[in-house]
Amino acid sequence: MDFVYNVLVVTHLLGMAAVVGGWVACRPEVNSVMVWGARAQLISGIALVGLAESIDSLGKDPNMAKIGVKLAIAVAVAGFAEVGYADAKRGKPVGRLSDAAGGLAVVNVVVATLWT
């Protein structure tokens, strides 16, 4: 199970890289890389918490307050990315949705690393 958990960690990190990298590379647009990265972050994050909670041999003890904050931010990132990408496909001005998605993704990284 350690291997599966580690593969999910890699997927989670690649999702974060896609959101932040897509934001930096294509400002002020929201691109499909950001959308798929946000989706990967949500799915892999939920799976990671599920595995950490249910399998004792992993030796994980997740902080549920931190997980709740990260989940709320991740849902907001995915929402901003989805709406911004849909607007961009329709030719509407994206406004600050790209900055909101990218900036909140960075905030989520900060929460993940500095909240102990």
PDB file of N, CA and C in Angstrom:
ATOM      1  N   MET A   1       0.795  -1.193   0.000  1.00  0.00           N
ATOM      2  CA  MET A   1       0.000   0.000   0.000  1.00  0.00           C
ATOM      3  C   MET A   1       0.843   1.265   0.000  1.00  0.00           C
ATOM      4  N   ASP A   2       2.057   1.156   0.493  1.00  0.00           N
ATOM      5  CA  ASP A   2       2.943   2.325   0.471  1.00  0.00           C
ATOM      6  C   ASP A   2       3.167   2.811  -0.956  1.00  0.00           C
ATOM      7  N   PHE A   3       3.294   1.876  -1.893  1.00  0.00           N
ATOM      8  CA  PHE A   3       3.522   2.253  -3.292  1.00  0.00           C
ATOM      9  C   PHE A   3       2.336   3.038  -3.838  1.00  0.00           C
ATOM     10  N   VAL A   4       1.133   2.560  -3.581  1.00  0.00           N
ATOM     11  CA  VAL A   4      -0.072   3.249  -4.057  1.00  0.00           C
ATOM     12  C   VAL A   4      -0.163   4.642  -3.437  1.00  0.00           C
ATOM     13  N   TYR A   5       0.114   4.738  -2.162  1.00  0.00           N
ATOM     14  CA  TYR A   5       0.089   6.026  -1.478  1.00  0.00           C
ATOM     15  C   TYR A   5       1.102   6.986  -2.107  1.00  0.00           C
ATOM     16  N   ASN A   6       2.304   6.488  -2.359  1.00  0.00           N
ATOM     17  CA  ASN A   6       3.341   7.332  -2.954  1.00  0.00           C
ATOM     18  C   ASN A   6       3.001   7.752  -4.377  1.00  0.00           C
ATOM     19  N   VAL A   7       2.364   6.879  -5.151  1.00  0.00           N
ATOM     20  CA  VAL A   7       1.912   7.247  -6.502  1.00  0.00           C
ATOM     21  C   VAL A   7       0.871   8.367  -6.415  1.00  0.00           C
ATOM     22  N   LEU A   8      -0.012   8.277  -5.423  1.00  0.00           N
ATOM     23  CA  LEU A   8      -0.996   9.344  -5.232  1.00  0.00           C
ATOM     24  C   LEU A   8      -0.341  10.657  -4.815  1.00  0.00           C
ATOM     25  N   VAL A   9       0.703  10.584  -4.003  1.00  0.00           N
ATOM     26  CA  VAL A   9       1.438  11.796  -3.626  1.00  0.00           C
ATOM     27  C   VAL A   9       2.056  12.440  -4.873  1.00  0.00           C
ATOM     28  N   VAL A  10       2.644  11.628  -5.741  1.00  0.00           N
ATOM     29  CA  VAL A  10       3.231  12.143  -6.985  1.00  0.00           C
ATOM     30  C   VAL A  10       2.152  12.794  -7.848  1.00  0.00           C
ATOM     31  N   THR A  11       1.000  12.142  -7.969  1.00  0.00           N
ATOM     32  CA  THR A  11      -0.104  12.705  -8.746  1.00  0.00           C
ATOM     33  C   THR A  11      -0.566  14.032  -8.153  1.00  0.00           C
ATOM     34  N   HIS A  12      -0.631  14.089  -6.836  1.00  0.00           N
ATOM     35  CA  HIS A  12      -1.042  15.313  -6.154  1.00  0.00           C
ATOM     36  C   HIS A  12      -0.054  16.451  -6.428  1.00  0.00           C
ATOM     37  N   LEU A  13       1.218  16.156  -6.367  1.00  0.00           N
ATOM     38  CA  LEU A  13       2.239  17.171  -6.628  1.00  0.00           C
ATOM     39  C   LEU A  13       2.251  17.612  -8.088  1.00  0.00           C
ATOM     40  N   LEU A  14       2.048  16.674  -8.997  1.00  0.00           N
ATOM     41  CA  LEU A  14       1.983  17.039 -10.418  1.00  0.00           C
ATOM     42  C   LEU A  14       0.757  17.902 -10.708  1.00  0.00           C
ATOM     43  N   GLY A  15      -0.346  17.629 -10.035  1.00  0.00           N
ATOM     44  CA  GLY A  15      -1.533  18.469 -10.181  1.00  0.00           C
ATOM     45  C   GLY A  15      -1.262  19.894  -9.725  1.00  0.00           C
ATOM     46  N   MET A  16      -0.565  20.017  -8.589  1.00  0.00           N
ATOM     47  CA  MET A  16      -0.206  21.346  -8.094  1.00  0.00           C
ATOM     48  C   MET A  16       0.716  22.052  -9.086  1.00  0.00           C
ATOM     49  N   ALA A  17       1.676  21.324  -9.616  1.00  0.00           N
ATOM     50  CA  ALA A  17       2.592  21.922 -10.593  1.00  0.00           C
ATOM     51  C   ALA A  17       1.846  22.377 -11.842  1.00  0.00           C
ATOM     52  N   ALA A  18       0.842  21.614 -12.258  1.00  0.00           N
ATOM     53  CA  ALA A  18       0.066  21.986 -13.440  1.00  0.00           C
ATOM     54  C   ALA A  18      -0.728  23.271 -13.201  1.00  0.00           C
ATOM     55  N   VAL A  19      -1.336  23.387 -12.025  1.00  0.00           N
ATOM     56  CA  VAL A  19      -2.121  24.594 -11.735  1.00  0.00           C
ATOM     57  C   VAL A  19      -1.210  25.810 -11.657  1.00  0.00           C
ATOM     58  N   VAL A  20      -0.166  25.728 -10.848  1.00  0.00           N
ATOM     59  CA  VAL A  20       0.714  26.877 -10.664  1.00  0.00           C
ATOM     60  C   VAL A  20       1.489  27.174 -11.944  1.00  0.00           C
ATOM     61  N   GLY A  21       1.997  26.148 -12.612  1.00  0.00           N
ATOM     62  CA  GLY A  21       2.737  26.356 -13.863  1.00  0.00           C
ATOM     63  C   GLY A  21       1.864  26.912 -14.964  1.00  0.00           C
ATOM     64  N   GLY A  22       0.638  26.407 -15.074  1.00  0.00           N
ATOM     65  CA  GLY A  22      -0.297  26.937 -16.071  1.00  0.00           C
ATOM     66  C   GLY A  22      -0.659  28.381 -15.798  1.00  0.00           C
ATOM     67  N   TRP A  23      -0.771  28.713 -14.521  1.00  0.00           N
ATOM     68  CA  TRP A  23      -1.084  30.095 -14.136  1.00  0.00           C
ATOM     69  C   TRP A  23       0.068  31.029 -14.499  1.00  0.00           C
ATOM     70  N   VAL A  24       1.279  30.636 -14.177  1.00  0.00           N
ATOM     71  CA  VAL A  24       2.438  31.487 -14.449  1.00  0.00           C
ATOM     72  C   VAL A  24       2.681  31.617 -15.958  1.00  0.00           C
ATOM     73  N   ALA A  25       2.505  30.525 -16.690  1.00  0.00           N
ATOM     74  CA  ALA A  25       2.820  30.522 -18.116  1.00  0.00           C
ATOM     75  C   ALA A  25       1.784  31.237 -18.971  1.00  0.00           C
ATOM     76  N   CYS A  26       0.528  31.218 -18.568  1.00  0.00           N
ATOM     77  CA  CYS A  26      -0.530  31.703 -19.461  1.00  0.00           C
ATOM     78  C   CYS A  26      -1.378  32.815 -18.879  1.00  0.00           C
ATOM     79  N   ARG A  27      -0.837  33.571 -17.930  1.00  0.00           N
ATOM     80  CA  ARG A  27      -1.621  34.662 -17.369  1.00  0.00           C
ATOM     81  C   ARG A  27      -2.036  35.615 -18.458  1.00  0.00           C
ATOM     82  N   PRO A  28      -3.187  36.179 -18.508  1.00  0.00           N
ATOM     83  CA  PRO A  28      -4.310  36.054 -17.600  1.00  0.00           C
ATOM     84  C   PRO A  28      -5.320  35.003 -18.025  1.00  0.00           C
ATOM     85  N   GLU A  29      -4.938  34.096 -18.870  1.00  0.00           N
ATOM     86  CA  GLU A  29      -5.851  33.054 -19.348  1.00  0.00           C
ATOM     87  C   GLU A  29      -5.942  31.888 -18.360  1.00  0.00           C
ATOM     88  N   VAL A  30      -7.070  31.220 -18.358  1.00  0.00           N
ATOM     89  CA  VAL A  30      -7.208  29.933 -17.668  1.00  0.00           C
ATOM     90  C   VAL A  30      -7.140  28.885 -18.769  1.00  0.00           C
ATOM     91  N   ASN A  31      -6.187  27.963 -18.660  1.00  0.00           N
ATOM     92  CA  ASN A  31      -6.029  26.964 -19.706  1.00  0.00           C
ATOM     93  C   ASN A  31      -6.420  25.583 -19.202  1.00  0.00           C
ATOM     94  N   SER A  32      -6.465  24.630 -20.127  1.00  0.00           N
ATOM     95  CA  SER A  32      -6.895  23.280 -19.768  1.00  0.00           C
ATOM     96  C   SER A  32      -5.917  22.598 -18.820  1.00  0.00           C
ATOM     97  N   VAL A  33      -4.653  22.990 -18.852  1.00  0.00           N
ATOM     98  CA  VAL A  33      -3.666  22.416 -17.928  1.00  0.00           C
ATOM     99  C   VAL A  33      -4.043  22.754 -16.491  1.00  0.00           C
ATOM    100  N   MET A  34      -4.461  23.981 -16.264  1.00  0.00           N
ATOM    101  CA  MET A  34      -4.874  24.384 -14.920  1.00  0.00           C
ATOM    102  C   MET A  34      -6.108  23.611 -14.473  1.00  0.00           C
ATOM    103  N   VAL A  35      -7.054  23.428 -15.373  1.00  0.00           N
ATOM    104  CA  VAL A  35      -8.290  22.725 -15.031  1.00  0.00           C
ATOM    105  C   VAL A  35      -7.990  21.271 -14.671  1.00  0.00           C
ATOM    106  N   TRP A  36      -7.208  20.592 -15.492  1.00  0.00           N
ATOM    107  CA  TRP A  36      -6.893  19.193 -15.211  1.00  0.00           C
ATOM    108  C   TRP A  36      -6.012  19.055 -13.976  1.00  0.00           C
ATOM    109  N   GLY A  37      -5.138  20.017 -13.741  1.00  0.00           N
ATOM    110  CA  GLY A  37      -4.332  19.995 -12.528  1.00  0.00           C
ATOM    111  C   GLY A  37      -5.192  20.143 -11.281  1.00  0.00           C
ATOM    112  N   ALA A  38      -6.179  21.038 -11.342  1.00  0.00           N
ATOM    113  CA  ALA A  38      -7.084  21.229 -10.204  1.00  0.00           C
ATOM    114  C   ALA A  38      -7.915  19.974  -9.956  1.00  0.00           C
ATOM    115  N   ARG A  39      -8.362  19.339 -11.015  1.00  0.00           N
ATOM    116  CA  ARG A  39      -9.108  18.086 -10.868  1.00  0.00           C
ATOM    117  C   ARG A  39      -8.238  17.007 -10.245  1.00  0.00           C
ATOM    118  N   ALA A  40      -6.996  16.905 -10.719  1.00  0.00           N
ATOM    119  CA  ALA A  40      -6.076  15.896 -10.177  1.00  0.00           C
ATOM    120  C   ALA A  40      -5.798  16.151  -8.701  1.00  0.00           C
ATOM    121  N   GLN A  41      -5.663  17.421  -8.334  1.00  0.00           N
ATOM    122  CA  GLN A  41      -5.436  17.778  -6.933  1.00  0.00           C
ATOM    123  C   GLN A  41      -6.595  17.320  -6.059  1.00  0.00           C
ATOM    124  N   LEU A  42      -7.807  17.601  -6.470  1.00  0.00           N
ATOM    125  CA  LEU A  42      -8.973  17.215  -5.680  1.00  0.00           C
ATOM    126  C   LEU A  42      -9.080  15.704  -5.527  1.00  0.00           C
ATOM    127  N   ILE A  43      -9.011  15.002  -6.630  1.00  0.00           N
ATOM    128  CA  ILE A  43      -9.195  13.555  -6.585  1.00  0.00           C
ATOM    129  C   ILE A  43      -8.076  12.877  -5.813  1.00  0.00           C
ATOM    130  N   SER A  44      -6.842  13.233  -6.097  1.00  0.00           N
ATOM    131  CA  SER A  44      -5.721  12.585  -5.403  1.00  0.00           C
ATOM    132  C   SER A  44      -5.680  12.981  -3.930  1.00  0.00           C
ATOM    133  N   GLY A  45      -6.050  14.212  -3.603  1.00  0.00           N
ATOM    134  CA  GLY A  45      -6.072  14.633  -2.207  1.00  0.00           C
ATOM    135  C   GLY A  45      -7.102  13.878  -1.393  1.00  0.00           C
ATOM    136  N   ILE A  46      -8.279  13.703  -1.950  1.00  0.00           N
ATOM    137  CA  ILE A  46      -9.322  12.937  -1.264  1.00  0.00           C
ATOM    138  C   ILE A  46      -8.889  11.484  -1.092  1.00  0.00           C
ATOM    139  N   ALA A  47      -8.280  10.916  -2.128  1.00  0.00           N
ATOM    140  CA  ALA A  47      -7.801   9.530  -2.032  1.00  0.00           C
ATOM    141  C   ALA A  47      -6.688   9.398  -0.994  1.00  0.00           C
ATOM    142  N   LEU A  48      -5.795  10.372  -0.935  1.00  0.00           N
ATOM    143  CA  LEU A  48      -4.717  10.335   0.057  1.00  0.00           C
ATOM    144  C   LEU A  48      -5.263  10.354   1.479  1.00  0.00           C
ATOM    145  N   VAL A  49      -6.223  11.222   1.735  1.00  0.00           N
ATOM    146  CA  VAL A  49      -6.807  11.291   3.074  1.00  0.00           C
ATOM    147  C   VAL A  49      -7.541   9.995   3.397  1.00  0.00           C
ATOM    148  N   GLY A  50      -8.257   9.461   2.422  1.00  0.00           N
ATOM    149  CA  GLY A  50      -8.960   8.193   2.645  1.00  0.00           C
ATOM    150  C   GLY A  50      -8.007   7.062   2.989  1.00  0.00           C
ATOM    151  N   LEU A  51      -6.911   6.960   2.253  1.00  0.00           N
ATOM    152  CA  LEU A  51      -5.923   5.918   2.549  1.00  0.00           C
ATOM    153  C   LEU A  51      -5.260   6.149   3.902  1.00  0.00           C
ATOM    154  N   ALA A  52      -4.906   7.385   4.194  1.00  0.00           N
ATOM    155  CA  ALA A  52      -4.225   7.688   5.452  1.00  0.00           C
ATOM    156  C   ALA A  52      -5.117   7.381   6.650  1.00  0.00           C
ATOM    157  N   GLU A  53      -6.410   7.623   6.510  1.00  0.00           N
ATOM    158  CA  GLU A  53      -7.342   7.358   7.602  1.00  0.00           C
ATOM    159  C   GLU A  53      -7.656   5.878   7.766  1.00  0.00           C
ATOM    160  N   SER A  54      -7.690   5.135   6.675  1.00  0.00           N
ATOM    161  CA  SER A  54      -8.202   3.765   6.746  1.00  0.00           C
ATOM    162  C   SER A  54      -7.137   2.690   6.890  1.00  0.00           C
ATOM    163  N   ILE A  55      -5.893   2.986   6.552  1.00  0.00           N
ATOM    164  CA  ILE A  55      -4.856   1.950   6.578  1.00  0.00           C
ATOM    165  C   ILE A  55      -3.835   2.295   7.656  1.00  0.00           C
ATOM    166  N   ASP A  56      -3.868   1.534   8.739  1.00  0.00           N
ATOM    167  CA  ASP A  56      -2.984   1.801   9.879  1.00  0.00           C
ATOM    168  C   ASP A  56      -1.518   1.568   9.551  1.00  0.00           C
ATOM    169  N   SER A  57      -1.228   0.654   8.632  1.00  0.00           N
ATOM    170  CA  SER A  57       0.165   0.326   8.338  1.00  0.00           C
ATOM    171  C   SER A  57       0.915   1.486   7.668  1.00  0.00           C
ATOM    172  N   LEU A  58       0.201   2.475   7.152  1.00  0.00           N
ATOM    173  CA  LEU A  58       0.861   3.633   6.557  1.00  0.00           C
ATOM    174  C   LEU A  58       1.463   4.547   7.627  1.00  0.00           C
ATOM    175  N   GLY A  59       0.940   4.463   8.831  1.00  0.00           N
ATOM    176  CA  GLY A  59       1.476   5.260   9.923  1.00  0.00           C
ATOM    177  C   GLY A  59       1.168   6.747   9.812  1.00  0.00           C
ATOM    178  N   LYS A  60       0.077   7.089   9.162  1.00  0.00           N
ATOM    179  CA  LYS A  60      -0.304   8.492   8.993  1.00  0.00           C
ATOM    180  C   LYS A  60      -1.391   8.857   9.993  1.00  0.00           C
ATOM    181  N   ASP A  61      -1.370  10.074  10.467  1.00  0.00           N
ATOM    182  CA  ASP A  61      -2.406  10.594  11.356  1.00  0.00           C
ATOM    183  C   ASP A  61      -2.753  12.005  10.884  1.00  0.00           C
ATOM    184  N   PRO A  62      -3.651  12.115   9.879  1.00  0.00           N
ATOM    185  CA  PRO A  62      -3.926  13.416   9.286  1.00  0.00           C
ATOM    186  C   PRO A  62      -4.599  14.385  10.269  1.00  0.00           C
ATOM    187  N   ASN A  63      -4.220  15.643  10.157  1.00  0.00           N
ATOM    188  CA  ASN A  63      -4.831  16.731  10.926  1.00  0.00           C
ATOM    189  C   ASN A  63      -6.095  17.146  10.173  1.00  0.00           C
ATOM    190  N   MET A  64      -7.260  16.831  10.720  1.00  0.00           N
ATOM    191  CA  MET A  64      -8.514  17.055  10.003  1.00  0.00           C
ATOM    192  C   MET A  64      -8.848  18.536   9.818  1.00  0.00           C
ATOM    193  N   ALA A  65      -8.419  19.386  10.728  1.00  0.00           N
ATOM    194  CA  ALA A  65      -8.640  20.828  10.532  1.00  0.00           C
ATOM    195  C   ALA A  65      -7.862  21.310   9.308  1.00  0.00           C
ATOM    196  N   LYS A  66      -6.621  20.893   9.209  1.00  0.00           N
ATOM    197  CA  LYS A  66      -5.783  21.253   8.057  1.00  0.00           C
ATOM    198  C   LYS A  66      -6.374  20.681   6.770  1.00  0.00           C
ATOM    199  N   ILE A  67      -6.828  19.434   6.825  1.00  0.00           N
ATOM    200  CA  ILE A  67      -7.428  18.797   5.648  1.00  0.00           C
ATOM    201  C   ILE A  67      -8.676  19.559   5.212  1.00  0.00           C
ATOM    202  N   GLY A  68      -9.486  19.996   6.174  1.00  0.00           N
ATOM    203  CA  GLY A  68     -10.692  20.759   5.846  1.00  0.00           C
ATOM    204  C   GLY A  68     -10.380  22.076   5.164  1.00  0.00           C
ATOM    205  N   VAL A  69      -9.373  22.782   5.672  1.00  0.00           N
ATOM    206  CA  VAL A  69      -8.974  24.057   5.058  1.00  0.00           C
ATOM    207  C   VAL A  69      -8.438  23.814   3.653  1.00  0.00           C
ATOM    208  N   LYS A  70      -7.585  22.804   3.505  1.00  0.00           N
ATOM    209  CA  LYS A  70      -7.030  22.499   2.180  1.00  0.00           C
ATOM    210  C   LYS A  70      -8.112  22.078   1.202  1.00  0.00           C
ATOM    211  N   LEU A  71      -9.103  21.322   1.670  1.00  0.00           N
ATOM    212  CA  LEU A  71     -10.191  20.894   0.796  1.00  0.00           C
ATOM    213  C   LEU A  71     -11.009  22.093   0.329  1.00  0.00           C
ATOM    214  N   ALA A  72     -11.320  23.000   1.242  1.00  0.00           N
ATOM    215  CA  ALA A  72     -12.086  24.196   0.864  1.00  0.00           C
ATOM    216  C   ALA A  72     -11.328  25.024  -0.177  1.00  0.00           C
ATOM    217  N   ILE A  73     -10.026  25.188   0.030  1.00  0.00           N
ATOM    218  CA  ILE A  73      -9.222  25.943  -0.935  1.00  0.00           C
ATOM    219  C   ILE A  73      -9.155  25.216  -2.269  1.00  0.00           C
ATOM    220  N   ALA A  74      -8.989  23.893  -2.234  1.00  0.00           N
ATOM    221  CA  ALA A  74      -8.897  23.117  -3.478  1.00  0.00           C
ATOM    222  C   ALA A  74     -10.196  23.168  -4.275  1.00  0.00           C
ATOM    223  N   VAL A  75     -11.327  23.136  -3.588  1.00  0.00           N
ATOM    224  CA  VAL A  75     -12.612  23.253  -4.282  1.00  0.00           C
ATOM    225  C   VAL A  75     -12.740  24.631  -4.920  1.00  0.00           C
ATOM    226  N   ALA A  76     -12.288  25.666  -4.217  1.00  0.00           N
ATOM    227  CA  ALA A  76     -12.324  27.016  -4.791  1.00  0.00           C
ATOM    228  C   ALA A  76     -11.411  27.120  -6.008  1.00  0.00           C
ATOM    229  N   VAL A  77     -10.215  26.538  -5.924  1.00  0.00           N
ATOM    230  CA  VAL A  77      -9.292  26.548  -7.069  1.00  0.00           C
ATOM    231  C   VAL A  77      -9.937  25.863  -8.273  1.00  0.00           C
ATOM    232  N   ALA A  78     -10.506  24.683  -8.038  1.00  0.00           N
ATOM    233  CA  ALA A  78     -11.142  23.950  -9.136  1.00  0.00           C
ATOM    234  C   ALA A  78     -12.327  24.730  -9.697  1.00  0.00           C
ATOM    235  N   GLY A  79     -13.101  25.356  -8.839  1.00  0.00           N
ATOM    236  CA  GLY A  79     -14.239  26.149  -9.306  1.00  0.00           C
ATOM    237  C   GLY A  79     -13.814  27.331 -10.153  1.00  0.00           C
ATOM    238  N   PHE A  80     -12.828  28.076  -9.671  1.00  0.00           N
ATOM    239  CA  PHE A  80     -12.336  29.217 -10.446  1.00  0.00           C
ATOM    240  C   PHE A  80     -11.737  28.763 -11.779  1.00  0.00           C
ATOM    241  N   ALA A  81     -11.005  27.665 -11.763  1.00  0.00           N
ATOM    242  CA  ALA A  81     -10.397  27.162 -12.999  1.00  0.00           C
ATOM    243  C   ALA A  81     -11.472  26.704 -13.990  1.00  0.00           C
ATOM    244  N   GLU A  82     -12.466  25.970 -13.505  1.00  0.00           N
ATOM    245  CA  GLU A  82     -13.529  25.482 -14.390  1.00  0.00           C
ATOM    246  C   GLU A  82     -14.323  26.642 -14.997  1.00  0.00           C
ATOM    247  N   VAL A  83     -14.724  27.591 -14.170  1.00  0.00           N
ATOM    248  CA  VAL A  83     -15.514  28.725 -14.661  1.00  0.00           C
ATOM    249  C   VAL A  83     -14.683  29.594 -15.606  1.00  0.00           C
ATOM    250  N   GLY A  84     -13.432  29.828 -15.240  1.00  0.00           N
ATOM    251  CA  GLY A  84     -12.566  30.640 -16.096  1.00  0.00           C
ATOM    252  C   GLY A  84     -12.316  29.996 -17.444  1.00  0.00           C
ATOM    253  N   TYR A  85     -12.115  28.678 -17.445  1.00  0.00           N
ATOM    254  CA  TYR A  85     -11.884  27.975 -18.707  1.00  0.00           C
ATOM    255  C   TYR A  85     -13.147  27.970 -19.567  1.00  0.00           C
ATOM    256  N   ALA A  86     -14.301  27.767 -18.945  1.00  0.00           N
ATOM    257  CA  ALA A  86     -15.560  27.785 -19.689  1.00  0.00           C
ATOM    258  C   ALA A  86     -15.809  29.171 -20.281  1.00  0.00           C
ATOM    259  N   ASP A  87     -15.546  30.215 -19.498  1.00  0.00           N
ATOM    260  CA  ASP A  87     -15.709  31.578 -20.015  1.00  0.00           C
ATOM    261  C   ASP A  87     -14.748  31.855 -21.166  1.00  0.00           C
ATOM    262  N   ALA A  88     -13.513  31.404 -21.029  1.00  0.00           N
ATOM    263  CA  ALA A  88     -12.524  31.628 -22.087  1.00  0.00           C
ATOM    264  C   ALA A  88     -12.931  30.918 -23.375  1.00  0.00           C
ATOM    265  N   LYS A  89     -13.503  29.726 -23.262  1.00  0.00           N
ATOM    266  CA  LYS A  89     -13.953  29.005 -24.457  1.00  0.00           C
ATOM    267  C   LYS A  89     -15.114  29.713 -25.144  1.00  0.00           C
ATOM    268  N   ARG A  90     -15.916  30.426 -24.379  1.00  0.00           N
ATOM    269  CA  ARG A  90     -17.052  31.155 -24.945  1.00  0.00           C
ATOM    270  C   ARG A  90     -16.674  32.552 -25.411  1.00  0.00           C
ATOM    271  N   GLY A  91     -15.423  32.943 -25.185  1.00  0.00           N
ATOM    272  CA  GLY A  91     -14.970  34.249 -25.614  1.00  0.00           C
ATOM    273  C   GLY A  91     -15.256  35.366 -24.629  1.00  0.00           C
ATOM    274  N   LYS A  92     -15.733  35.008 -23.447  1.00  0.00           N
ATOM    275  CA  LYS A  92     -15.984  36.026 -22.421  1.00  0.00           C
ATOM    276  C   LYS A  92     -14.665  36.420 -21.768  1.00  0.00           C
ATOM    277  N   PRO A  93     -14.600  37.626 -21.251  1.00  0.00           N
ATOM    278  CA  PRO A  93     -13.390  38.011 -20.518  1.00  0.00           C
ATOM    279  C   PRO A  93     -13.273  37.205 -19.226  1.00  0.00           C
ATOM    280  N   VAL A  94     -12.082  36.690 -18.974  1.00  0.00           N
ATOM    281  CA  VAL A  94     -11.858  35.832 -17.818  1.00  0.00           C
ATOM    282  C   VAL A  94     -11.730  36.659 -16.547  1.00  0.00           C
ATOM    283  N   GLY A  95     -11.235  37.854 -16.670  1.00  0.00           N
ATOM    284  CA  GLY A  95     -11.072  38.699 -15.490  1.00  0.00           C
ATOM    285  C   GLY A  95      -9.971  38.169 -14.593  1.00  0.00           C
ATOM    286  N   ARG A  96     -10.256  38.077 -13.343  1.00  0.00           N
ATOM    287  CA  ARG A  96      -9.267  37.662 -12.346  1.00  0.00           C
ATOM    288  C   ARG A  96      -9.398  36.195 -11.951  1.00  0.00           C
ATOM    289  N   LEU A  97     -10.157  35.403 -12.687  1.00  0.00           N
ATOM    290  CA  LEU A  97     -10.339  33.998 -12.317  1.00  0.00           C
ATOM    291  C   LEU A  97      -9.032  33.216 -12.381  1.00  0.00           C
ATOM    292  N   SER A  98      -8.188  33.540 -13.348  1.00  0.00           N
ATOM    293  CA  SER A  98      -6.888  32.877 -13.447  1.00  0.00           C
ATOM    294  C   SER A  98      -6.033  33.190 -12.230  1.00  0.00           C
ATOM    295  N   ASP A  99      -6.002  34.458 -11.858  1.00  0.00           N
ATOM    296  CA  ASP A  99      -5.214  34.855 -10.689  1.00  0.00           C
ATOM    297  C   ASP A  99      -5.775  34.257  -9.407  1.00  0.00           C
ATOM    298  N   ALA A 100      -7.088  34.162  -9.316  1.00  0.00           N
ATOM    299  CA  ALA A 100      -7.699  33.570  -8.126  1.00  0.00           C
ATOM    300  C   ALA A 100      -7.334  32.092  -8.022  1.00  0.00           C
ATOM    301  N   ALA A 101      -7.433  31.365  -9.131  1.00  0.00           N
ATOM    302  CA  ALA A 101      -7.105  29.933  -9.110  1.00  0.00           C
ATOM    303  C   ALA A 101      -5.627  29.716  -8.809  1.00  0.00           C
ATOM    304  N   GLY A 102      -4.758  30.427  -9.485  1.00  0.00           N
ATOM    305  CA  GLY A 102      -3.322  30.263  -9.271  1.00  0.00           C
ATOM    306  C   GLY A 102      -2.873  30.719  -7.894  1.00  0.00           C
ATOM    307  N   GLY A 103      -3.392  31.855  -7.461  1.00  0.00           N
ATOM    308  CA  GLY A 103      -3.022  32.369  -6.148  1.00  0.00           C
ATOM    309  C   GLY A 103      -3.489  31.469  -5.021  1.00  0.00           C
ATOM    310  N   LEU A 104      -4.707  30.955  -5.128  1.00  0.00           N
ATOM    311  CA  LEU A 104      -5.201  30.038  -4.100  1.00  0.00           C
ATOM    312  C   LEU A 104      -4.442  28.710  -4.117  1.00  0.00           C
ATOM    313  N   ALA A 105      -3.979  28.288  -5.285  1.00  0.00           N
ATOM    314  CA  ALA A 105      -3.155  27.071  -5.342  1.00  0.00           C
ATOM    315  C   ALA A 105      -1.854  27.284  -4.574  1.00  0.00           C
ATOM    316  N   VAL A 106      -1.279  28.454  -4.704  1.00  0.00           N
ATOM    317  CA  VAL A 106      -0.061  28.773  -3.943  1.00  0.00           C
ATOM    318  C   VAL A 106      -0.372  28.828  -2.448  1.00  0.00           C
ATOM    319  N   VAL A 107      -1.511  29.408  -2.087  1.00  0.00           N
ATOM    320  CA  VAL A 107      -1.922  29.433  -0.677  1.00  0.00           C
ATOM    321  C   VAL A 107      -2.073  28.010  -0.152  1.00  0.00           C
ATOM    322  N   ASN A 108      -2.618  27.111  -0.963  1.00  0.00           N
ATOM    323  CA  ASN A 108      -2.774  25.720  -0.542  1.00  0.00           C
ATOM    324  C   ASN A 108      -1.420  25.051  -0.307  1.00  0.00           C
ATOM    325  N   VAL A 109      -0.442  25.374  -1.118  1.00  0.00           N
ATOM    326  CA  VAL A 109       0.915  24.850  -0.903  1.00  0.00           C
ATOM    327  C   VAL A 109       1.477  25.379   0.405  1.00  0.00           C
ATOM    328  N   VAL A 110       1.257  26.651   0.672  1.00  0.00           N
ATOM    329  CA  VAL A 110       1.745  27.250   1.913  1.00  0.00           C
ATOM    330  C   VAL A 110       1.082  26.592   3.126  1.00  0.00           C
ATOM    331  N   VAL A 111      -0.218  26.373   3.046  1.00  0.00           N
ATOM    332  CA  VAL A 111      -0.935  25.688   4.142  1.00  0.00           C
ATOM    333  C   VAL A 111      -0.372  24.284   4.337  1.00  0.00           C
ATOM    334  N   ALA A 112      -0.142  23.582   3.232  1.00  0.00           N
ATOM    335  CA  ALA A 112       0.360  22.207   3.321  1.00  0.00           C
ATOM    336  C   ALA A 112       1.727  22.126   3.971  1.00  0.00           C
ATOM    337  N   THR A 113       2.566  23.083   3.684  1.00  0.00           N
ATOM    338  CA  THR A 113       3.940  22.998   4.166  1.00  0.00           C
ATOM    339  C   THR A 113       4.173  23.662   5.514  1.00  0.00           C
ATOM    340  N   LEU A 114       3.479  24.759   5.797  1.00  0.00           N
ATOM    341  CA  LEU A 114       3.779  25.504   7.012  1.00  0.00           C
ATOM    342  C   LEU A 114       2.865  25.172   8.192  1.00  0.00           C
ATOM    343  N   TRP A 115       1.716  24.576   7.955  1.00  0.00           N
ATOM    344  CA  TRP A 115       0.819  24.199   9.044  1.00  0.00           C
ATOM    345  C   TRP A 115       1.304  22.882   9.628  1.00  0.00           C
ATOM    346  N   THR A 116       1.796  22.933  10.837  1.00  0.00           N
ATOM    347  CA  THR A 116       2.299  21.717  11.487  1.00  0.00           C
ATOM    348  C   THR A 116       1.528  21.385  12.731  1.00  0.00           C
TER     349      THR A 116
END
